[in-house]
Amino acid sequence: MDKEFLLELFQPFGAVSVRNMFGGQGIAYHGLNLAIVIDGALCLKADDITIPVFEAEGMTAWKYQRKDGKPIDMGYWTVPERLFDDPDEFAGWAQAAFDVAMRADAKKPASKRKF
């Protein structure tokens, strides 16, 4: 996915930044990563609160394969294709992913928090 497409896709949610990461692209809002594009798939940040929504949609978690072959759950889940055609619903999913990022940020030591 190219940067212009991602900026347009996230526009109803807010002004995001897109940068290269993990061999793909990272999407951040106010300095917190809320999504990635990896192997051409858009994935949103998820946690125990939001994972059931992704599971109900039949979506899968992105797992990083370590050199020893062990997969590591990175906390990002693929998004349903239908969201690409529904900016308002996509914005709600993006907000939920940002809420996950905020909860993760709140768990960090105060000196490392963005907010």
PDB file of N, CA and C in Angstrom:
ATOM      1  N   MET A   1       0.856  -1.172   0.000  1.00  0.00           N
ATOM      2  CA  MET A   1       0.000   0.000   0.000  1.00  0.00           C
ATOM      3  C   MET A   1       0.901   1.234   0.000  1.00  0.00           C
ATOM      4  N   ASP A   2       0.565   2.162  -0.832  1.00  0.00           N
ATOM      5  CA  ASP A   2       1.415   3.345  -0.862  1.00  0.00           C
ATOM      6  C   ASP A   2       0.989   4.362   0.199  1.00  0.00           C
ATOM      7  N   LYS A   3       1.913   5.237   0.495  1.00  0.00           N
ATOM      8  CA  LYS A   3       1.727   6.210   1.570  1.00  0.00           C
ATOM      9  C   LYS A   3       0.492   7.085   1.336  1.00  0.00           C
ATOM     10  N   GLU A   4       0.292   7.527   0.107  1.00  0.00           N
ATOM     11  CA  GLU A   4      -0.851   8.402  -0.188  1.00  0.00           C
ATOM     12  C   GLU A   4      -2.174   7.692   0.080  1.00  0.00           C
ATOM     13  N   PHE A   5      -2.265   6.412  -0.289  1.00  0.00           N
ATOM     14  CA  PHE A   5      -3.471   5.639  -0.023  1.00  0.00           C
ATOM     15  C   PHE A   5      -3.731   5.562   1.480  1.00  0.00           C
ATOM     16  N   LEU A   6      -2.686   5.282   2.261  1.00  0.00           N
ATOM     17  CA  LEU A   6      -2.844   5.157   3.713  1.00  0.00           C
ATOM     18  C   LEU A   6      -3.262   6.477   4.340  1.00  0.00           C
ATOM     19  N   LEU A   7      -2.661   7.572   3.914  1.00  0.00           N
ATOM     20  CA  LEU A   7      -3.036   8.881   4.455  1.00  0.00           C
ATOM     21  C   LEU A   7      -4.490   9.191   4.156  1.00  0.00           C
ATOM     22  N   GLU A   8      -4.943   8.847   2.957  1.00  0.00           N
ATOM     23  CA  GLU A   8      -6.344   9.073   2.590  1.00  0.00           C
ATOM     24  C   GLU A   8      -7.272   8.152   3.377  1.00  0.00           C
ATOM     25  N   LEU A   9      -6.882   6.889   3.533  1.00  0.00           N
ATOM     26  CA  LEU A   9      -7.689   5.923   4.273  1.00  0.00           C
ATOM     27  C   LEU A   9      -7.905   6.366   5.717  1.00  0.00           C
ATOM     28  N   PHE A  10      -6.843   6.848   6.357  1.00  0.00           N
ATOM     29  CA  PHE A  10      -6.934   7.248   7.761  1.00  0.00           C
ATOM     30  C   PHE A  10      -7.480   8.662   7.947  1.00  0.00           C
ATOM     31  N   GLN A  11      -7.630   9.426   6.874  1.00  0.00           N
ATOM     32  CA  GLN A  11      -8.039  10.830   6.968  1.00  0.00           C
ATOM     33  C   GLN A  11      -9.310  11.036   7.795  1.00  0.00           C
ATOM     34  N   PRO A  12     -10.374  10.213   7.644  1.00  0.00           N
ATOM     35  CA  PRO A  12     -11.562  10.421   8.486  1.00  0.00           C
ATOM     36  C   PRO A  12     -11.278  10.234   9.984  1.00  0.00           C
ATOM     37  N   PHE A  13     -10.245   9.467  10.314  1.00  0.00           N
ATOM     38  CA  PHE A  13      -9.854   9.275  11.718  1.00  0.00           C
ATOM     39  C   PHE A  13      -9.004  10.446  12.198  1.00  0.00           C
ATOM     40  N   GLY A  14      -8.015  10.830  11.418  1.00  0.00           N
ATOM     41  CA  GLY A  14      -7.124  11.915  11.798  1.00  0.00           C
ATOM     42  C   GLY A  14      -5.839  11.875  10.987  1.00  0.00           C
ATOM     43  N   ALA A  15      -5.031  12.903  11.142  1.00  0.00           N
ATOM     44  CA  ALA A  15      -3.768  13.014  10.405  1.00  0.00           C
ATOM     45  C   ALA A  15      -2.734  12.076  11.020  1.00  0.00           C
ATOM     46  N   VAL A  16      -2.395  11.038  10.286  1.00  0.00           N
ATOM     47  CA  VAL A  16      -1.429  10.052  10.752  1.00  0.00           C
ATOM     48  C   VAL A  16      -0.101  10.270  10.039  1.00  0.00           C
ATOM     49  N   SER A  17       0.937   9.669  10.587  1.00  0.00           N
ATOM     50  CA  SER A  17       2.231   9.650   9.910  1.00  0.00           C
ATOM     51  C   SER A  17       2.501   8.216   9.479  1.00  0.00           C
ATOM     52  N   VAL A  18       3.194   8.075   8.363  1.00  0.00           N
ATOM     53  CA  VAL A  18       3.524   6.764   7.814  1.00  0.00           C
ATOM     54  C   VAL A  18       5.035   6.707   7.651  1.00  0.00           C
ATOM     55  N   ARG A  19       5.633   5.629   8.197  1.00  0.00           N
ATOM     56  CA  ARG A  19       7.087   5.473   8.052  1.00  0.00           C
ATOM     57  C   ARG A  19       7.413   3.997   7.861  1.00  0.00           C
ATOM     58  N   ASN A  20       8.592   3.744   7.314  1.00  0.00           N
ATOM     59  CA  ASN A  20       9.035   2.373   7.098  1.00  0.00           C
ATOM     60  C   ASN A  20       9.363   1.713   8.435  1.00  0.00           C
ATOM     61  N   MET A  21       8.899   0.465   8.590  1.00  0.00           N
ATOM     62  CA  MET A  21       9.234  -0.325   9.779  1.00  0.00           C
ATOM     63  C   MET A  21       8.886  -1.789   9.549  1.00  0.00           C
ATOM     64  N   PHE A  22       9.646  -2.696  10.149  1.00  0.00           N
ATOM     65  CA  PHE A  22       9.426  -4.145  10.045  1.00  0.00           C
ATOM     66  C   PHE A  22       9.346  -4.624   8.598  1.00  0.00           C
ATOM     67  N   GLY A  23      10.051  -3.978   7.697  1.00  0.00           N
ATOM     68  CA  GLY A  23       9.974  -4.362   6.296  1.00  0.00           C
ATOM     69  C   GLY A  23       8.661  -3.949   5.659  1.00  0.00           C
ATOM     70  N   GLY A  24       7.888  -3.135   6.339  1.00  0.00           N
ATOM     71  CA  GLY A  24       6.618  -2.627   5.825  1.00  0.00           C
ATOM     72  C   GLY A  24       6.502  -1.161   6.186  1.00  0.00           C
ATOM     73  N   GLN A  25       5.318  -0.772   6.628  1.00  0.00           N
ATOM     74  CA  GLN A  25       5.080   0.608   7.022  1.00  0.00           C
ATOM     75  C   GLN A  25       4.377   0.636   8.371  1.00  0.00           C
ATOM     76  N   GLY A  26       4.766   1.610   9.185  1.00  0.00           N
ATOM     77  CA  GLY A  26       4.093   1.843  10.447  1.00  0.00           C
ATOM     78  C   GLY A  26       3.235   3.090  10.337  1.00  0.00           C
ATOM     79  N   ILE A  27       2.061   3.052  10.935  1.00  0.00           N
ATOM     80  CA  ILE A  27       1.150   4.194  10.933  1.00  0.00           C
ATOM     81  C   ILE A  27       0.986   4.643  12.372  1.00  0.00           C
ATOM     82  N   ALA A  28       1.271   5.924  12.619  1.00  0.00           N
ATOM     83  CA  ALA A  28       1.217   6.462  13.973  1.00  0.00           C
ATOM     84  C   ALA A  28       0.310   7.686  14.026  1.00  0.00           C
ATOM     85  N   TYR A  29      -0.248   7.898  15.196  1.00  0.00           N
ATOM     86  CA  TYR A  29      -1.086   9.066  15.477  1.00  0.00           C
ATOM     87  C   TYR A  29      -0.608   9.629  16.805  1.00  0.00           C
ATOM     88  N   HIS A  30      -0.266  10.890  16.812  1.00  0.00           N
ATOM     89  CA  HIS A  30       0.293  11.535  18.004  1.00  0.00           C
ATOM     90  C   HIS A  30       1.466  10.741  18.580  1.00  0.00           C
ATOM     91  N   GLY A  31       2.279  10.174  17.695  1.00  0.00           N
ATOM     92  CA  GLY A  31       3.481   9.463  18.109  1.00  0.00           C
ATOM     93  C   GLY A  31       3.282   8.032  18.566  1.00  0.00           C
ATOM     94  N   LEU A  32       2.069   7.540  18.567  1.00  0.00           N
ATOM     95  CA  LEU A  32       1.792   6.160  18.976  1.00  0.00           C
ATOM     96  C   LEU A  32       1.424   5.318  17.762  1.00  0.00           C
ATOM     97  N   ASN A  33       2.076   4.173  17.604  1.00  0.00           N
ATOM     98  CA  ASN A  33       1.764   3.279  16.498  1.00  0.00           C
ATOM     99  C   ASN A  33       0.408   2.629  16.713  1.00  0.00           C
ATOM    100  N   LEU A  34      -0.440   2.724  15.694  1.00  0.00           N
ATOM    101  CA  LEU A  34      -1.754   2.100  15.783  1.00  0.00           C
ATOM    102  C   LEU A  34      -1.989   1.099  14.671  1.00  0.00           C
ATOM    103  N   ALA A  35      -1.106   1.075  13.667  1.00  0.00           N
ATOM    104  CA  ALA A  35      -1.289   0.151  12.555  1.00  0.00           C
ATOM    105  C   ALA A  35       0.039  -0.097  11.857  1.00  0.00           C
ATOM    106  N   ILE A  36       0.078  -1.202  11.111  1.00  0.00           N
ATOM    107  CA  ILE A  36       1.229  -1.508  10.265  1.00  0.00           C
ATOM    108  C   ILE A  36       0.707  -2.097   8.959  1.00  0.00           C
ATOM    109  N   VAL A  37       1.517  -1.970   7.944  1.00  0.00           N
ATOM    110  CA  VAL A  37       1.280  -2.690   6.696  1.00  0.00           C
ATOM    111  C   VAL A  37       2.457  -3.631   6.565  1.00  0.00           C
ATOM    112  N   ILE A  38       2.156  -4.921   6.505  1.00  0.00           N
ATOM    113  CA  ILE A  38       3.201  -5.937   6.410  1.00  0.00           C
ATOM    114  C   ILE A  38       2.774  -6.951   5.357  1.00  0.00           C
ATOM    115  N   ASP A  39       3.658  -7.256   4.458  1.00  0.00           N
ATOM    116  CA  ASP A  39       3.344  -8.179   3.354  1.00  0.00           C
ATOM    117  C   ASP A  39       2.077  -7.763   2.608  1.00  0.00           C
ATOM    118  N   GLY A  40       1.871  -6.457   2.479  1.00  0.00           N
ATOM    119  CA  GLY A  40       0.721  -5.931   1.752  1.00  0.00           C
ATOM    120  C   GLY A  40      -0.585  -5.911   2.506  1.00  0.00           C
ATOM    121  N   ALA A  41      -0.580  -6.384   3.755  1.00  0.00           N
ATOM    122  CA  ALA A  41      -1.811  -6.421   4.561  1.00  0.00           C
ATOM    123  C   ALA A  41      -1.797  -5.320   5.614  1.00  0.00           C
ATOM    124  N   LEU A  42      -2.917  -4.619   5.748  1.00  0.00           N
ATOM    125  CA  LEU A  42      -3.057  -3.612   6.785  1.00  0.00           C
ATOM    126  C   LEU A  42      -3.502  -4.298   8.071  1.00  0.00           C
ATOM    127  N   CYS A  43      -2.785  -4.027   9.152  1.00  0.00           N
ATOM    128  CA  CYS A  43      -3.093  -4.602  10.462  1.00  0.00           C
ATOM    129  C   CYS A  43      -3.232  -3.477  11.477  1.00  0.00           C
ATOM    130  N   LEU A  44      -4.235  -3.574  12.334  1.00  0.00           N
ATOM    131  CA  LEU A  44      -4.446  -2.603  13.408  1.00  0.00           C
ATOM    132  C   LEU A  44      -4.013  -3.190  14.745  1.00  0.00           C
ATOM    133  N   LYS A  45      -3.568  -2.315  15.631  1.00  0.00           N
ATOM    134  CA  LYS A  45      -3.152  -2.717  16.970  1.00  0.00           C
ATOM    135  C   LYS A  45      -4.377  -3.235  17.722  1.00  0.00           C
ATOM    136  N   ALA A  46      -4.194  -4.328  18.453  1.00  0.00           N
ATOM    137  CA  ALA A  46      -5.306  -4.943  19.190  1.00  0.00           C
ATOM    138  C   ALA A  46      -4.818  -5.434  20.546  1.00  0.00           C
ATOM    139  N   ASP A  47      -5.756  -5.591  21.460  1.00  0.00           N
ATOM    140  CA  ASP A  47      -5.449  -6.132  22.783  1.00  0.00           C
ATOM    141  C   ASP A  47      -6.615  -7.012  23.235  1.00  0.00           C
ATOM    142  N   ASP A  48      -6.575  -7.455  24.472  1.00  0.00           N
ATOM    143  CA  ASP A  48      -7.613  -8.367  24.978  1.00  0.00           C
ATOM    144  C   ASP A  48      -9.022  -7.792  24.847  1.00  0.00           C
ATOM    145  N   ILE A  49      -9.135  -6.471  24.847  1.00  0.00           N
ATOM    146  CA  ILE A  49     -10.460  -5.838  24.731  1.00  0.00           C
ATOM    147  C   ILE A  49     -10.967  -5.892  23.291  1.00  0.00           C
ATOM    148  N   THR A  50     -10.073  -5.683  22.319  1.00  0.00           N
ATOM    149  CA  THR A  50     -10.511  -5.589  20.925  1.00  0.00           C
ATOM    150  C   THR A  50     -10.309  -6.864  20.101  1.00  0.00           C
ATOM    151  N   ILE A  51      -9.475  -7.779  20.551  1.00  0.00           N
ATOM    152  CA  ILE A  51      -9.228  -9.009  19.785  1.00  0.00           C
ATOM    153  C   ILE A  51     -10.520  -9.770  19.477  1.00  0.00           C
ATOM    154  N   PRO A  52     -11.487  -9.870  20.398  1.00  0.00           N
ATOM    155  CA  PRO A  52     -12.722 -10.588  20.051  1.00  0.00           C
ATOM    156  C   PRO A  52     -13.446 -10.019  18.824  1.00  0.00           C
ATOM    157  N   VAL A  53     -13.341  -8.717  18.589  1.00  0.00           N
ATOM    158  CA  VAL A  53     -13.970  -8.106  17.409  1.00  0.00           C
ATOM    159  C   VAL A  53     -13.284  -8.603  16.142  1.00  0.00           C
ATOM    160  N   PHE A  54     -11.955  -8.659  16.166  1.00  0.00           N
ATOM    161  CA  PHE A  54     -11.208  -9.171  15.019  1.00  0.00           C
ATOM    162  C   PHE A  54     -11.521 -10.655  14.792  1.00  0.00           C
ATOM    163  N   GLU A  55     -11.569 -11.412  15.869  1.00  0.00           N
ATOM    164  CA  GLU A  55     -11.877 -12.841  15.756  1.00  0.00           C
ATOM    165  C   GLU A  55     -13.270 -13.061  15.174  1.00  0.00           C
ATOM    166  N   ALA A  56     -14.245 -12.253  15.613  1.00  0.00           N
ATOM    167  CA  ALA A  56     -15.613 -12.376  15.110  1.00  0.00           C
ATOM    168  C   ALA A  56     -15.683 -12.108  13.604  1.00  0.00           C
ATOM    169  N   GLU A  57     -14.748 -11.309  13.106  1.00  0.00           N
ATOM    170  CA  GLU A  57     -14.687 -10.992  11.677  1.00  0.00           C
ATOM    171  C   GLU A  57     -13.848 -12.017  10.908  1.00  0.00           C
ATOM    172  N   GLY A  58     -13.267 -12.990  11.620  1.00  0.00           N
ATOM    173  CA  GLY A  58     -12.438 -13.999  10.971  1.00  0.00           C
ATOM    174  C   GLY A  58     -11.040 -13.518  10.625  1.00  0.00           C
ATOM    175  N   MET A  59     -10.599 -12.462  11.269  1.00  0.00           N
ATOM    176  CA  MET A  59      -9.285 -11.889  10.988  1.00  0.00           C
ATOM    177  C   MET A  59      -8.199 -12.644  11.758  1.00  0.00           C
ATOM    178  N   THR A  60      -6.948 -12.434  11.369  1.00  0.00           N
ATOM    179  CA  THR A  60      -5.831 -13.146  11.988  1.00  0.00           C
ATOM    180  C   THR A  60      -4.799 -12.184  12.539  1.00  0.00           C
ATOM    181  N   ALA A  61      -4.055 -12.670  13.507  1.00  0.00           N
ATOM    182  CA  ALA A  61      -2.975 -11.878  14.105  1.00  0.00           C
ATOM    183  C   ALA A  61      -1.733 -11.969  13.228  1.00  0.00           C
ATOM    184  N   TRP A  62      -0.996 -10.866  13.155  1.00  0.00           N
ATOM    185  CA  TRP A  62       0.300 -10.891  12.480  1.00  0.00           C
ATOM    186  C   TRP A  62       1.319 -11.388  13.490  1.00  0.00           C
ATOM    187  N   LYS A  63       2.053 -12.407  13.104  1.00  0.00           N
ATOM    188  CA  LYS A  63       3.080 -12.974  13.980  1.00  0.00           C
ATOM    189  C   LYS A  63       4.426 -12.874  13.291  1.00  0.00           C
ATOM    190  N   TYR A  64       5.403 -12.416  14.031  1.00  0.00           N
ATOM    191  CA  TYR A  64       6.769 -12.294  13.541  1.00  0.00           C
ATOM    192  C   TYR A  64       7.467 -13.628  13.748  1.00  0.00           C
ATOM    193  N   GLN A  65       8.150 -14.094  12.734  1.00  0.00           N
ATOM    194  CA  GLN A  65       8.873 -15.362  12.823  1.00  0.00           C
ATOM    195  C   GLN A  65      10.313 -15.084  13.257  1.00  0.00           C
ATOM    196  N   ARG A  66      10.675 -15.530  14.453  1.00  0.00           N
ATOM    197  CA  ARG A  66      12.042 -15.360  14.937  1.00  0.00           C
ATOM    198  C   ARG A  66      12.991 -16.261  14.158  1.00  0.00           C
ATOM    199  N   LYS A  67      14.281 -15.976  14.284  1.00  0.00           N
ATOM    200  CA  LYS A  67      15.296 -16.779  13.594  1.00  0.00           C
ATOM    201  C   LYS A  67      15.242 -18.243  14.010  1.00  0.00           C
ATOM    202  N   ASP A  68      14.833 -18.511  15.255  1.00  0.00           N
ATOM    203  CA  ASP A  68      14.746 -19.900  15.711  1.00  0.00           C
ATOM    204  C   ASP A  68      13.423 -20.565  15.290  1.00  0.00           C
ATOM    205  N   GLY A  69      12.615 -19.840  14.509  1.00  0.00           N
ATOM    206  CA  GLY A  69      11.364 -20.390  14.001  1.00  0.00           C
ATOM    207  C   GLY A  69      10.159 -20.157  14.878  1.00  0.00           C
ATOM    208  N   LYS A  70      10.366 -19.639  16.085  1.00  0.00           N
ATOM    209  CA  LYS A  70       9.248 -19.407  17.001  1.00  0.00           C
ATOM    210  C   LYS A  70       8.478 -18.149  16.575  1.00  0.00           C
ATOM    211  N   PRO A  71       7.149 -18.274  16.414  1.00  0.00           N
ATOM    212  CA  PRO A  71       6.357 -17.089  16.070  1.00  0.00           C
ATOM    213  C   PRO A  71       6.081 -16.240  17.305  1.00  0.00           C
ATOM    214  N   ILE A  72       6.118 -14.933  17.120  1.00  0.00           N
ATOM    215  CA  ILE A  72       5.839 -14.000  18.214  1.00  0.00           C
ATOM    216  C   ILE A  72       4.667 -13.118  17.815  1.00  0.00           C
ATOM    217  N   ASP A  73       3.639 -13.099  18.656  1.00  0.00           N
ATOM    218  CA  ASP A  73       2.469 -12.257  18.416  1.00  0.00           C
ATOM    219  C   ASP A  73       2.873 -10.801  18.634  1.00  0.00           C
ATOM    220  N   MET A  74       2.697  -9.986  17.625  1.00  0.00           N
ATOM    221  CA  MET A  74       3.113  -8.589  17.685  1.00  0.00           C
ATOM    222  C   MET A  74       1.985  -7.650  18.105  1.00  0.00           C
ATOM    223  N   GLY A  75       0.779  -8.188  18.300  1.00  0.00           N
ATOM    224  CA  GLY A  75      -0.327  -7.356  18.765  1.00  0.00           C
ATOM    225  C   GLY A  75      -1.031  -6.585  17.659  1.00  0.00           C
ATOM    226  N   TYR A  76      -0.867  -7.019  16.413  1.00  0.00           N
ATOM    227  CA  TYR A  76      -1.545  -6.387  15.284  1.00  0.00           C
ATOM    228  C   TYR A  76      -2.376  -7.438  14.561  1.00  0.00           C
ATOM    229  N   TRP A  77      -3.571  -7.060  14.148  1.00  0.00           N
ATOM    230  CA  TRP A  77      -4.499  -7.982  13.478  1.00  0.00           C
ATOM    231  C   TRP A  77      -4.926  -7.400  12.134  1.00  0.00           C
ATOM    232  N   THR A  78      -5.100  -8.283  11.147  1.00  0.00           N
ATOM    233  CA  THR A  78      -5.555  -7.847   9.831  1.00  0.00           C
ATOM    234  C   THR A  78      -6.948  -7.238   9.932  1.00  0.00           C
ATOM    235  N   VAL A  79      -7.226  -6.305   9.014  1.00  0.00           N
ATOM    236  CA  VAL A  79      -8.537  -5.650   9.012  1.00  0.00           C
ATOM    237  C   VAL A  79      -9.409  -6.244   7.920  1.00  0.00           C
ATOM    238  N   PRO A  80     -10.720  -6.256   8.139  1.00  0.00           N
ATOM    239  CA  PRO A  80     -11.626  -6.746   7.102  1.00  0.00           C
ATOM    240  C   PRO A  80     -11.547  -5.860   5.852  1.00  0.00           C
ATOM    241  N   GLU A  81     -11.512  -6.479   4.694  1.00  0.00           N
ATOM    242  CA  GLU A  81     -11.425  -5.753   3.415  1.00  0.00           C
ATOM    243  C   GLU A  81     -12.563  -4.747   3.252  1.00  0.00           C
ATOM    244  N   ARG A  82     -13.745  -5.073   3.781  1.00  0.00           N
ATOM    245  CA  ARG A  82     -14.904  -4.196   3.601  1.00  0.00           C
ATOM    246  C   ARG A  82     -14.677  -2.805   4.179  1.00  0.00           C
ATOM    247  N   LEU A  83     -13.761  -2.690   5.149  1.00  0.00           N
ATOM    248  CA  LEU A  83     -13.503  -1.388   5.766  1.00  0.00           C
ATOM    249  C   LEU A  83     -12.879  -0.394   4.794  1.00  0.00           C
ATOM    250  N   PHE A  84     -12.215  -0.891   3.751  1.00  0.00           N
ATOM    251  CA  PHE A  84     -11.605   0.012   2.773  1.00  0.00           C
ATOM    252  C   PHE A  84     -12.653   0.803   2.002  1.00  0.00           C
ATOM    253  N   ASP A  85     -13.901   0.312   2.008  1.00  0.00           N
ATOM    254  CA  ASP A  85     -14.987   0.979   1.296  1.00  0.00           C
ATOM    255  C   ASP A  85     -15.936   1.730   2.223  1.00  0.00           C
ATOM    256  N   ASP A  86     -15.624   1.777   3.509  1.00  0.00           N
ATOM    257  CA  ASP A  86     -16.505   2.439   4.476  1.00  0.00           C
ATOM    258  C   ASP A  86     -15.662   3.317   5.401  1.00  0.00           C
ATOM    259  N   PRO A  87     -15.389   4.566   4.977  1.00  0.00           N
ATOM    260  CA  PRO A  87     -14.501   5.444   5.753  1.00  0.00           C
ATOM    261  C   PRO A  87     -14.951   5.668   7.199  1.00  0.00           C
ATOM    262  N   ASP A  88     -16.254   5.776   7.408  1.00  0.00           N
ATOM    263  CA  ASP A  88     -16.735   6.027   8.771  1.00  0.00           C
ATOM    264  C   ASP A  88     -16.496   4.825   9.678  1.00  0.00           C
ATOM    265  N   GLU A  89     -16.799   3.632   9.178  1.00  0.00           N
ATOM    266  CA  GLU A  89     -16.565   2.448   9.998  1.00  0.00           C
ATOM    267  C   GLU A  89     -15.062   2.236  10.209  1.00  0.00           C
ATOM    268  N   PHE A  90     -14.276   2.459   9.146  1.00  0.00           N
ATOM    269  CA  PHE A  90     -12.830   2.330   9.288  1.00  0.00           C
ATOM    270  C   PHE A  90     -12.312   3.280  10.365  1.00  0.00           C
ATOM    271  N   ALA A  91     -12.817   4.505  10.398  1.00  0.00           N
ATOM    272  CA  ALA A  91     -12.384   5.481  11.406  1.00  0.00           C
ATOM    273  C   ALA A  91     -12.663   4.968  12.815  1.00  0.00           C
ATOM    274  N   GLY A  92     -13.773   4.269  13.005  1.00  0.00           N
ATOM    275  CA  GLY A  92     -14.081   3.686  14.314  1.00  0.00           C
ATOM    276  C   GLY A  92     -13.077   2.609  14.700  1.00  0.00           C
ATOM    277  N   TRP A  93     -12.695   1.773  13.734  1.00  0.00           N
ATOM    278  CA  TRP A  93     -11.692   0.738  13.997  1.00  0.00           C
ATOM    279  C   TRP A  93     -10.340   1.377  14.289  1.00  0.00           C
ATOM    280  N   ALA A  94     -10.005   2.435  13.552  1.00  0.00           N
ATOM    281  CA  ALA A  94      -8.736   3.137  13.787  1.00  0.00           C
ATOM    282  C   ALA A  94      -8.732   3.759  15.187  1.00  0.00           C
ATOM    283  N   GLN A  95      -9.868   4.319  15.602  1.00  0.00           N
ATOM    284  CA  GLN A  95      -9.960   4.889  16.947  1.00  0.00           C
ATOM    285  C   GLN A  95      -9.761   3.804  17.997  1.00  0.00           C
ATOM    286  N   ALA A  96     -10.364   2.645  17.781  1.00  0.00           N
ATOM    287  CA  ALA A  96     -10.188   1.535  18.726  1.00  0.00           C
ATOM    288  C   ALA A  96      -8.722   1.123  18.801  1.00  0.00           C
ATOM    289  N   ALA A  97      -8.026   1.111  17.661  1.00  0.00           N
ATOM    290  CA  ALA A  97      -6.594   0.765  17.642  1.00  0.00           C
ATOM    291  C   ALA A  97      -5.775   1.826  18.380  1.00  0.00           C
ATOM    292  N   PHE A  98      -6.148   3.089  18.224  1.00  0.00           N
ATOM    293  CA  PHE A  98      -5.448   4.146  18.957  1.00  0.00           C
ATOM    294  C   PHE A  98      -5.709   4.009  20.451  1.00  0.00           C
ATOM    295  N   ASP A  99      -6.922   3.635  20.829  1.00  0.00           N
ATOM    296  CA  ASP A  99      -7.232   3.408  22.243  1.00  0.00           C
ATOM    297  C   ASP A  99      -6.353   2.287  22.811  1.00  0.00           C
ATOM    298  N   VAL A 100      -6.124   1.242  22.016  1.00  0.00           N
ATOM    299  CA  VAL A 100      -5.216   0.155  22.422  1.00  0.00           C
ATOM    300  C   VAL A 100      -3.813   0.715  22.638  1.00  0.00           C
ATOM    301  N   ALA A 101      -3.353   1.543  21.697  1.00  0.00           N
ATOM    302  CA  ALA A 101      -2.023   2.150  21.816  1.00  0.00           C
ATOM    303  C   ALA A 101      -1.927   3.018  23.066  1.00  0.00           C
ATOM    304  N   MET A 102      -2.996   3.730  23.375  1.00  0.00           N
ATOM    305  CA  MET A 102      -3.011   4.565  24.589  1.00  0.00           C
ATOM    306  C   MET A 102      -2.949   3.699  25.851  1.00  0.00           C
ATOM    307  N   ARG A 103      -3.683   2.601  25.866  1.00  0.00           N
ATOM    308  CA  ARG A 103      -3.637   1.709  27.030  1.00  0.00           C
ATOM    309  C   ARG A 103      -2.237   1.118  27.201  1.00  0.00           C
ATOM    310  N   ALA A 104      -1.612   0.728  26.094  1.00  0.00           N
ATOM    311  CA  ALA A 104      -0.246   0.184  26.152  1.00  0.00           C
ATOM    312  C   ALA A 104       0.729   1.257  26.636  1.00  0.00           C
ATOM    313  N   ASP A 105       0.549   2.479  26.165  1.00  0.00           N
ATOM    314  CA  ASP A 105       1.419   3.579  26.582  1.00  0.00           C
ATOM    315  C   ASP A 105       1.277   3.844  28.081  1.00  0.00           C
ATOM    316  N   ALA A 106       0.062   3.747  28.601  1.00  0.00           N
ATOM    317  CA  ALA A 106      -0.191   4.012  30.026  1.00  0.00           C
ATOM    318  C   ALA A 106       0.497   2.993  30.931  1.00  0.00           C
ATOM    319  N   LYS A 107       0.796   1.805  30.396  1.00  0.00           N
ATOM    320  CA  LYS A 107       1.453   0.759  31.194  1.00  0.00           C
ATOM    321  C   LYS A 107       2.964   0.964  31.291  1.00  0.00           C
ATOM    322  N   LYS A 108       3.505   1.850  30.468  1.00  0.00           N
ATOM    323  CA  LYS A 108       4.946   2.082  30.477  1.00  0.00           C
ATOM    324  C   LYS A 108       5.343   2.954  31.663  1.00  0.00           C
ATOM    325  N   PRO A 109       6.623   2.898  32.063  1.00  0.00           N
ATOM    326  CA  PRO A 109       7.077   3.826  33.105  1.00  0.00           C
ATOM    327  C   PRO A 109       6.841   5.271  32.653  1.00  0.00           C
ATOM    328  N   ALA A 110       6.545   6.141  33.592  1.00  0.00           N
ATOM    329  CA  ALA A 110       6.221   7.526  33.268  1.00  0.00           C
ATOM    330  C   ALA A 110       7.258   8.184  32.358  1.00  0.00           C
ATOM    331  N   SER A 111       8.507   7.877  32.542  1.00  0.00           N
ATOM    332  CA  SER A 111       9.564   8.505  31.745  1.00  0.00           C
ATOM    333  C   SER A 111       9.538   8.068  30.284  1.00  0.00           C
ATOM    334  N   LYS A 112       8.858   6.951  29.985  1.00  0.00           N
ATOM    335  CA  LYS A 112       8.830   6.422  28.609  1.00  0.00           C
ATOM    336  C   LYS A 112       7.498   6.664  27.896  1.00  0.00           C
ATOM    337  N   ARG A 113       6.510   7.223  28.605  1.00  0.00           N
ATOM    338  CA  ARG A 113       5.187   7.437  28.026  1.00  0.00           C
ATOM    339  C   ARG A 113       5.176   8.593  27.038  1.00  0.00           C
ATOM    340  N   LYS A 114       4.321   8.474  26.054  1.00  0.00           N
ATOM    341  CA  LYS A 114       4.106   9.553  25.090  1.00  0.00           C
ATOM    342  C   LYS A 114       3.062  10.530  25.636  1.00  0.00           C
ATOM    343  N   PHE A 115       2.109   9.982  26.442  1.00  0.00           N
ATOM    344  CA  PHE A 115       1.035  10.825  27.001  1.00  0.00           C
ATOM    345  C   PHE A 115       1.039  10.761  28.506  1.00  0.00           C
TER     346      PHE A 115
END
